[in-house]
């Protein structure tokens, strides 16, 4: 970029007390009054030890909306170098789980904050929507169209994961699960992967002088939807030919509910087969050439992935491209903060920035893939 842009501060917000693996099904509830057959297997593979839900553990009632989670993260930013929220030019909010179809998530966050008029926009998608919101703010400041902005990523995944949403459709469905337990895996997979949280970045044209900041060197995103059928989806069902039937095309809401169109689902076979080659050879290999990247010049690697299962597979794929990154340069908090989708990269960066481990001049490479229809983003930062 011709004009330097800085992430001047990062914050995160995780609701309520952490939830351990043995507490998950108590908080989320059992589907069809049956304990999950797949929970322990999935948790063993994903490596997550605890996560956070915006749910009352006793009643299952929601304690925060997505907009409220996001507003809490923004309020946690250090804005003392100006007039707090009053001197922001831009607010951009990314999420895959807004509280409603309309108005936009960003508008609802602005309403929660109650700050004066400013430009507000919303980026949609899945995990990449948080990085997309950051790119929008970075581009606005780099072009001179804004001087100070906030970008966010947030998820209220528990709203899709609760037993009230995932409930089996009567006795017939429960009986079918008994006969074909693989159906339980299809429905269960993401229940034990996703959780709630929000993160926010303050992005400025001026570098703060009283603390470390992150200079945004470049940020690239790429969609390969022309090559792949949908892999992660909600509000629809996936048909035999790989196409999606949206909830509007069921004739009635009751029919869409009966078809279990609303819970989030993952085509795990497609994910396991394609995601690593896609994010490595498909997206990262061209960036190595474009930016003349060298593995020894990367101080920290922050990969967003849904499961620790992918850690060694990603490492091997990078090594095969002669871009091996030693594991002591990897930073992730998946095991303690959970997979918070579009908020994950914010929550990782926030912990690393405030850990005392960063030194001026170090570089950070961030990777954010999403399996929705196979998109991926990479970001390169320098500690200043």
Protein backbone atom coordinates (compact mmCIF):
# COMPACT_ATOMS: atom_id res chain seq x y z
CA UNK A 1 0.00 0.00 0.00
CA UNK A 2 1.24 3.52 -0.81
CA UNK A 3 -0.13 5.05 2.39
CA UNK A 4 0.71 3.42 5.69
CA UNK A 5 -2.20 2.17 7.78
CA UNK A 6 -2.00 0.90 11.35
CA UNK A 7 -3.99 -1.37 13.61
CA UNK A 8 -3.55 0.85 16.65
CA UNK A 9 -5.41 -1.31 19.15
CA UNK A 10 -7.26 -4.62 19.29
CA UNK A 11 -9.84 -5.83 21.78
CA UNK A 12 -12.04 -8.86 22.28
CA UNK A 13 -15.10 -9.85 24.25
CA UNK A 14 -16.01 -13.39 25.30
CA UNK A 15 -19.35 -13.78 27.10
CA UNK A 16 -19.90 -15.41 30.49
CA UNK A 17 -17.68 -18.06 32.08
CA UNK A 18 -15.72 -20.56 29.97
CA UNK A 19 -17.51 -23.83 29.21
CA UNK A 20 -15.50 -27.05 29.42
CA UNK A 21 -15.97 -30.09 27.21
CA UNK A 22 -18.04 -32.01 29.76
CA UNK A 23 -20.38 -29.04 30.27
CA UNK A 24 -21.14 -28.36 26.61
CA UNK A 25 -24.13 -30.65 26.18
CA UNK A 26 -25.61 -29.42 29.46
CA UNK A 27 -25.49 -25.80 28.26
CA UNK A 28 -26.54 -26.44 24.66
CA UNK A 29 -29.01 -29.20 25.53
CA UNK A 30 -29.40 -32.70 24.13
CA UNK A 31 -31.01 -33.14 20.72
CA UNK A 32 -34.07 -35.37 20.87
CA UNK A 33 -33.22 -36.17 24.51
CA UNK A 34 -30.37 -38.35 23.24
CA UNK A 35 -26.72 -37.79 24.22
CA UNK A 36 -24.47 -37.11 21.25
CA UNK A 37 -22.74 -40.13 19.75
CA UNK A 38 -20.02 -38.01 18.14
CA UNK A 39 -19.17 -35.29 20.68
CA UNK A 40 -16.12 -36.98 22.23
CA UNK A 41 -14.67 -38.00 18.87
CA UNK A 42 -15.04 -34.52 17.41
CA UNK A 43 -13.61 -32.84 20.53
CA UNK A 44 -10.66 -35.20 20.56
CA UNK A 45 -9.83 -34.17 16.99
CA UNK A 46 -10.46 -30.44 17.26
CA UNK A 47 -8.36 -29.93 20.40
CA UNK A 48 -10.71 -27.36 21.94
CA UNK A 49 -10.71 -27.53 25.76
CA UNK A 50 -13.03 -24.63 26.55
CA UNK A 51 -15.13 -22.01 24.80
CA UNK A 52 -17.70 -19.29 25.57
CA UNK A 53 -21.44 -19.12 24.94
CA UNK A 54 -23.80 -16.17 25.21
CA UNK A 55 -26.21 -18.48 27.01
CA UNK A 56 -27.38 -18.76 30.59
CA UNK A 57 -26.01 -22.18 31.62
CA UNK A 58 -29.01 -22.85 33.87
CA UNK A 59 -31.84 -21.77 31.57
CA UNK A 60 -30.31 -21.78 28.10
CA UNK A 61 -31.63 -18.25 27.54
CA UNK A 62 -29.46 -15.88 25.50
CA UNK A 63 -27.49 -13.38 27.60
CA UNK A 64 -26.24 -11.23 24.68
CA UNK A 65 -27.26 -10.52 21.13
CA UNK A 66 -24.60 -10.52 18.42
CA UNK A 67 -24.82 -6.72 18.27
CA UNK A 68 -24.25 -6.52 22.03
CA UNK A 69 -21.22 -8.82 21.85
CA UNK A 70 -19.75 -6.60 19.14
CA UNK A 71 -20.49 -3.38 21.01
CA UNK A 72 -18.76 -4.75 24.12
CA UNK A 73 -15.63 -5.52 22.10
CA UNK A 74 -15.61 -2.00 20.64
CA UNK A 75 -16.05 -0.41 24.05
CA UNK A 76 -12.97 -2.30 25.23
CA UNK A 77 -10.76 -0.55 22.67
CA UNK A 78 -8.28 2.02 23.94
CA UNK A 79 -9.59 5.21 22.33
CA UNK A 80 -8.08 7.67 24.79
CA UNK A 81 -6.00 9.35 22.08
CA UNK A 82 -9.11 11.03 20.69
CA UNK A 83 -12.69 11.68 21.64
CA UNK A 84 -13.47 8.01 22.10
CA UNK A 85 -16.20 6.84 19.73
CA UNK A 86 -17.21 10.38 18.80
CA UNK A 87 -14.31 10.93 16.38
CA UNK A 88 -14.65 7.71 14.37
CA UNK A 89 -15.29 8.09 10.65
CA UNK A 90 -16.18 4.51 9.88
CA UNK A 91 -17.56 1.34 11.46
CA UNK A 92 -17.49 -1.94 9.53
CA UNK A 93 -18.85 -5.14 11.09
CA UNK A 94 -18.44 -8.68 9.79
CA UNK A 95 -20.40 -11.73 10.93
CA UNK A 96 -22.03 -14.92 9.69
CA UNK A 97 -24.68 -14.91 12.43
CA UNK A 98 -26.53 -11.56 12.55
CA UNK A 99 -29.45 -11.21 14.93
CA UNK A 100 -31.95 -10.60 12.13
CA UNK A 101 -32.26 -10.53 8.33
CA UNK A 102 -32.79 -6.75 8.38
CA UNK A 103 -31.55 -4.17 9.41
CA UNK A 104 -27.87 -4.83 8.83
CA UNK A 105 -25.64 -6.09 11.63
CA UNK A 106 -23.48 -2.95 11.44
CA UNK A 107 -26.50 -0.70 11.91
CA UNK A 108 -27.58 -2.66 14.96
CA UNK A 109 -24.07 -2.36 16.45
CA UNK A 110 -24.13 1.39 15.84
CA UNK A 111 -27.45 1.56 17.63
CA UNK A 112 -25.99 -0.33 20.61
CA UNK A 113 -23.03 2.04 20.79
CA UNK A 114 -25.13 5.17 20.51
CA UNK A 115 -22.22 7.15 19.06
CA UNK A 116 -22.75 10.08 16.62
CA UNK A 117 -23.39 9.66 12.89
CA UNK A 118 -20.68 7.89 10.89
CA UNK A 119 -20.34 5.62 7.89
CA UNK A 120 -21.50 2.09 8.73
CA UNK A 121 -21.24 -1.00 6.58
CA UNK A 122 -21.58 -4.75 7.06
CA UNK A 123 -19.66 -7.62 5.50
CA UNK A 124 -21.30 -11.02 5.25
CA UNK A 125 -19.93 -14.47 4.65
CA UNK A 126 -18.55 -16.93 7.20
CA UNK A 127 -15.07 -16.84 8.78
CA UNK A 128 -13.72 -14.43 6.16
CA UNK A 129 -16.37 -11.78 6.88
CA UNK A 130 -14.31 -10.46 9.82
CA UNK A 131 -11.17 -10.05 7.69
CA UNK A 132 -13.31 -8.49 4.93
CA UNK A 133 -14.53 -5.83 7.36
CA UNK A 134 -10.92 -5.08 8.30
CA UNK A 135 -9.93 -4.79 4.64
CA UNK A 136 -12.78 -2.33 3.99
CA UNK A 137 -11.58 -0.05 6.79
CA UNK A 138 -7.92 -0.38 5.79
CA UNK A 139 -8.74 0.54 2.17
CA UNK A 140 -10.85 3.51 3.26
CA UNK A 141 -8.01 4.92 5.35
CA UNK A 142 -5.31 4.11 2.77
CA UNK A 143 -7.32 5.99 0.12
CA UNK A 144 -7.83 9.00 2.38
CA UNK A 145 -11.60 8.50 2.50
CA UNK A 146 -11.49 7.98 6.28
CA UNK A 147 -9.02 8.89 9.02
CA UNK A 148 -10.01 6.55 11.82
CA UNK A 149 -12.24 3.48 11.77
CA UNK A 150 -13.21 0.36 13.66
CA UNK A 151 -13.51 -3.10 12.11
CA UNK A 152 -15.11 -6.04 13.87
CA UNK A 153 -15.74 -9.75 13.60
CA UNK A 154 -18.31 -11.45 15.81
CA UNK A 155 -20.32 -14.64 16.10
CA UNK A 156 -23.35 -15.83 18.03
CA UNK A 157 -22.93 -19.44 16.94
CA UNK A 158 -24.76 -20.81 19.97
CA UNK A 159 -28.00 -19.51 18.49
CA UNK A 160 -27.62 -22.21 15.82
CA UNK A 161 -26.25 -24.87 18.17
CA UNK A 162 -28.87 -25.01 20.92
CA UNK A 163 -31.08 -28.08 21.14
CA UNK A 164 -34.13 -25.89 20.46
CA UNK A 165 -32.81 -25.24 16.93
CA UNK A 166 -31.20 -28.64 16.37
CA UNK A 167 -34.11 -30.64 17.81
CA UNK A 168 -34.92 -33.85 15.98
CA UNK A 169 -38.15 -33.81 14.03
CA UNK A 170 -40.14 -36.17 16.16
CA UNK A 171 -39.83 -39.87 16.98
CA UNK A 172 -39.20 -40.85 13.38
CA UNK A 173 -35.98 -38.81 13.27
CA UNK A 174 -34.77 -40.26 16.57
CA UNK A 175 -35.43 -43.78 15.29
CA UNK A 176 -33.55 -43.00 12.07
CA UNK A 177 -30.53 -41.83 14.08
CA UNK A 178 -30.52 -45.14 15.94
CA UNK A 179 -30.37 -47.04 12.63
CA UNK A 180 -27.97 -44.68 10.82
CA UNK A 181 -25.62 -43.01 13.32
CA UNK A 182 -23.74 -41.26 10.50
CA UNK A 183 -26.72 -38.89 10.30
CA UNK A 184 -25.88 -37.82 13.82
CA UNK A 185 -22.39 -36.86 12.65
CA UNK A 186 -23.76 -34.75 9.80
CA UNK A 187 -26.01 -32.85 12.19
CA UNK A 188 -23.63 -32.81 15.16
CA UNK A 189 -20.29 -31.89 13.59
CA UNK A 190 -20.41 -28.11 14.06
CA UNK A 191 -22.19 -28.18 17.43
CA UNK A 192 -18.90 -29.15 19.06
CA UNK A 193 -16.75 -26.82 16.93
CA UNK A 194 -18.28 -23.33 17.07
CA UNK A 195 -18.73 -20.81 19.89
CA UNK A 196 -19.42 -17.15 20.62
CA UNK A 197 -17.20 -14.08 20.78
CA UNK A 198 -16.33 -10.74 19.22
CA UNK A 199 -13.22 -8.76 18.38
CA UNK A 200 -12.52 -5.21 17.23
CA UNK A 201 -9.60 -3.35 15.63
CA UNK A 202 -9.01 0.39 15.77
CA UNK A 203 -7.47 1.33 12.41
CA UNK A 204 -5.74 4.69 11.94
CA UNK A 205 -3.59 6.66 9.53
CA UNK A 206 -1.33 7.72 12.39
CA UNK A 207 0.86 5.34 14.36
CA UNK A 208 0.39 5.52 18.16
CA UNK A 209 3.53 6.65 19.96
CA UNK A 210 2.81 5.16 23.38
CA UNK A 211 2.39 1.47 22.51
CA UNK A 212 3.12 -1.21 19.94
CA UNK A 213 0.95 -1.23 16.86
CA UNK A 214 0.63 -3.34 13.72
CA UNK A 215 1.34 -1.85 10.30
CA UNK A 216 -0.84 -3.44 7.62
CA UNK A 217 1.53 -4.31 4.77
CA UNK A 218 -0.99 -6.11 2.58
CA UNK A 219 -4.28 -8.01 2.82
CA UNK A 220 -5.47 -10.35 0.08
CA UNK A 221 -8.65 -12.40 -0.24
CA UNK A 222 -9.70 -14.90 -2.90
CA UNK A 223 -12.88 -16.86 -3.64
CA UNK A 224 -12.84 -20.17 -5.49
CA UNK A 225 -16.61 -20.65 -5.65
CA UNK A 226 -16.24 -21.28 -9.38
CA UNK A 227 -14.42 -24.53 -8.52
CA UNK A 228 -16.30 -25.90 -5.52
CA UNK A 229 -19.85 -26.65 -4.43
CA UNK A 230 -21.04 -25.32 -1.04
CA UNK A 231 -19.36 -26.93 1.95
CA UNK A 232 -20.71 -25.04 5.00
CA UNK A 233 -24.24 -23.69 4.93
CA UNK A 234 -27.31 -22.68 6.94
CA UNK A 235 -30.85 -21.63 6.08
CA UNK A 236 -30.97 -24.26 3.37
CA UNK A 237 -30.43 -27.93 2.60
CA UNK A 238 -27.87 -29.38 0.24
CA UNK A 239 -29.30 -31.49 -2.57
CA UNK A 240 -27.77 -34.55 -4.23
CA UNK A 241 -26.37 -32.47 -7.10
CA UNK A 242 -24.51 -30.18 -4.66
CA UNK A 243 -26.84 -27.21 -5.10
CA UNK A 244 -28.65 -25.54 -2.21
CA UNK A 245 -32.37 -25.25 -1.63
CA UNK A 246 -32.95 -22.09 0.40
CA UNK A 247 -35.55 -21.81 3.14
CA UNK A 248 -37.76 -19.60 0.93
CA UNK A 249 -38.23 -22.48 -1.51
CA UNK A 250 -39.94 -24.87 0.89
CA UNK A 251 -43.40 -23.37 0.52
CA UNK A 252 -43.69 -22.50 4.20
CA UNK A 253 -41.54 -21.85 7.23
CA UNK A 254 -42.93 -24.99 8.84
CA UNK A 255 -41.73 -27.08 5.90
CA UNK A 256 -38.26 -25.50 6.09
CA UNK A 257 -38.08 -26.23 9.82
CA UNK A 258 -39.20 -29.82 9.28
CA UNK A 259 -36.46 -30.24 6.67
CA UNK A 260 -33.91 -28.99 9.25
CA UNK A 261 -32.91 -26.14 6.96
CA UNK A 262 -31.84 -23.68 9.65
CA UNK A 263 -29.04 -25.38 11.66
CA UNK A 264 -25.49 -24.84 10.39
CA UNK A 265 -24.13 -27.88 8.56
CA UNK A 266 -20.76 -28.92 7.18
CA UNK A 267 -19.93 -31.29 4.34
CA UNK A 268 -17.06 -32.83 6.32
CA UNK A 269 -15.88 -35.10 3.51
CA UNK A 270 -15.56 -32.19 1.09
CA UNK A 271 -13.83 -30.10 3.75
CA UNK A 272 -11.26 -32.75 4.62
CA UNK A 273 -10.50 -33.48 0.98
CA UNK A 274 -10.15 -29.95 -0.38
CA UNK A 275 -9.50 -27.28 2.25
CA UNK A 276 -5.74 -27.72 2.79
CA UNK A 277 -4.68 -27.95 -0.89
CA UNK A 278 -7.00 -25.01 -1.61
CA UNK A 279 -5.60 -22.63 1.03
CA UNK A 280 -1.99 -23.63 0.29
CA UNK A 281 -1.47 -24.22 -3.43
CA UNK A 282 -4.70 -22.55 -4.50
CA UNK A 283 -4.35 -19.25 -2.62
CA UNK A 284 -1.00 -18.91 -0.83
CA UNK A 285 1.36 -20.09 -3.58
CA UNK A 286 0.55 -17.09 -5.86
CA UNK A 287 1.08 -14.71 -2.91
CA UNK A 288 4.55 -16.12 -2.23
CA UNK A 289 5.51 -15.13 -5.75
CA UNK A 290 3.66 -11.79 -5.75
CA UNK A 291 5.25 -10.52 -2.53
CA UNK A 292 8.54 -12.44 -2.76
CA UNK A 293 7.82 -14.03 0.62
CA UNK A 294 10.47 -16.03 2.45
CA UNK A 295 9.67 -18.30 5.42
CA UNK A 296 12.65 -17.08 7.43
CA UNK A 297 11.25 -13.52 7.26
CA UNK A 298 8.00 -14.51 9.00
CA UNK A 299 8.22 -14.06 12.79
CA UNK A 300 4.70 -15.25 13.66
CA UNK A 301 2.11 -17.31 11.85
CA UNK A 302 -1.52 -16.96 13.00
CA UNK A 303 -3.65 -19.60 11.25
CA UNK A 304 -7.39 -19.73 11.73
CA UNK A 305 -8.57 -23.31 11.50
CA UNK A 306 -11.61 -25.05 12.87
CA UNK A 307 -9.79 -27.99 14.34
CA UNK A 308 -6.31 -28.92 15.56
CA UNK A 309 -6.73 -31.85 13.17
CA UNK A 310 -5.67 -29.49 10.36
CA UNK A 311 -2.54 -28.14 12.08
CA UNK A 312 -0.03 -30.72 10.83
CA UNK A 313 -1.76 -30.96 7.46
CA UNK A 314 -1.32 -27.21 6.90
CA UNK A 315 2.30 -27.41 8.09
CA UNK A 316 3.01 -30.25 5.67
CA UNK A 317 1.34 -28.40 2.78
CA UNK A 318 3.47 -25.30 3.41
CA UNK A 319 6.61 -27.44 3.70
CA UNK A 320 5.81 -29.01 0.32
CA UNK A 321 5.90 -25.47 -1.14
CA UNK A 322 9.36 -24.86 0.42
CA UNK A 323 7.72 -22.52 2.93
CA UNK A 324 8.22 -24.43 6.16
CA UNK A 325 7.29 -22.52 9.32
CA UNK A 326 8.62 -23.93 12.60
CA UNK A 327 5.86 -24.65 15.11
CA UNK A 328 7.43 -22.27 17.64
CA UNK A 329 6.38 -19.45 15.31
CA UNK A 330 2.74 -20.57 15.20
CA UNK A 331 0.30 -18.83 17.51
CA UNK A 332 -3.25 -20.02 18.15
CA UNK A 333 -5.64 -19.90 21.07
CA UNK A 334 -8.17 -22.35 19.62
CA UNK A 335 -7.94 -24.65 22.65
CA UNK A 336 -8.82 -21.92 25.18
CA UNK A 337 -10.98 -19.45 23.20
CA UNK A 338 -12.71 -21.85 20.83
CA UNK A 339 -13.55 -21.44 17.15
CA UNK A 340 -15.34 -18.10 16.96
CA UNK A 341 -15.47 -17.91 13.17
CA UNK A 342 -15.10 -14.37 11.86
CA UNK A 343 -13.95 -13.17 15.31
CA UNK A 344 -11.14 -15.72 15.61
CA UNK A 345 -8.39 -13.70 13.89
CA UNK A 346 -9.22 -10.68 16.06
CA UNK A 347 -9.16 -12.76 19.24
CA UNK A 348 -5.81 -14.31 18.27
CA UNK A 349 -4.25 -10.96 17.38
CA UNK A 350 -5.56 -9.36 20.58
CA UNK A 351 -3.98 -12.01 22.79
CA UNK A 352 -0.66 -11.92 20.95
CA UNK A 353 -0.46 -8.10 20.87
CA UNK A 354 -1.03 -7.86 24.62
CA UNK A 355 1.10 -10.88 25.54
CA UNK A 356 4.39 -8.96 25.78
CA UNK A 357 5.94 -11.39 23.28
CA UNK A 358 6.01 -9.08 20.23
CA UNK A 359 9.10 -7.02 19.33
CA UNK A 360 9.40 -4.07 16.96
CA UNK A 361 10.26 -5.14 13.45
CA UNK A 362 8.72 -8.60 13.74
CA UNK A 363 6.31 -9.75 11.05
CA UNK A 364 2.99 -11.57 11.34
CA UNK A 365 1.35 -13.68 8.65
CA UNK A 366 -2.37 -14.32 9.22
CA UNK A 367 -4.39 -16.98 7.40
CA UNK A 368 -8.20 -17.04 7.41
CA UNK A 369 -9.90 -19.70 5.27
CA UNK A 370 -13.63 -20.29 5.17
CA UNK A 371 -15.24 -23.42 3.86
CA UNK A 372 -18.59 -21.89 2.88
CA UNK A 373 -17.72 -22.12 -0.78
CA UNK A 374 -13.96 -22.02 -0.36
CA UNK A 375 -12.62 -18.52 0.18
CA UNK A 376 -9.39 -17.57 1.92
CA UNK A 377 -7.61 -14.45 3.10
CA UNK A 378 -4.00 -13.75 4.05
CA UNK A 379 -2.71 -10.64 5.83
CA UNK A 380 0.88 -9.50 6.45
CA UNK A 381 1.62 -7.19 9.38
CA UNK A 382 4.75 -5.57 10.79
CA UNK A 383 5.11 -4.73 14.48
CA UNK A 384 5.94 -1.03 14.90
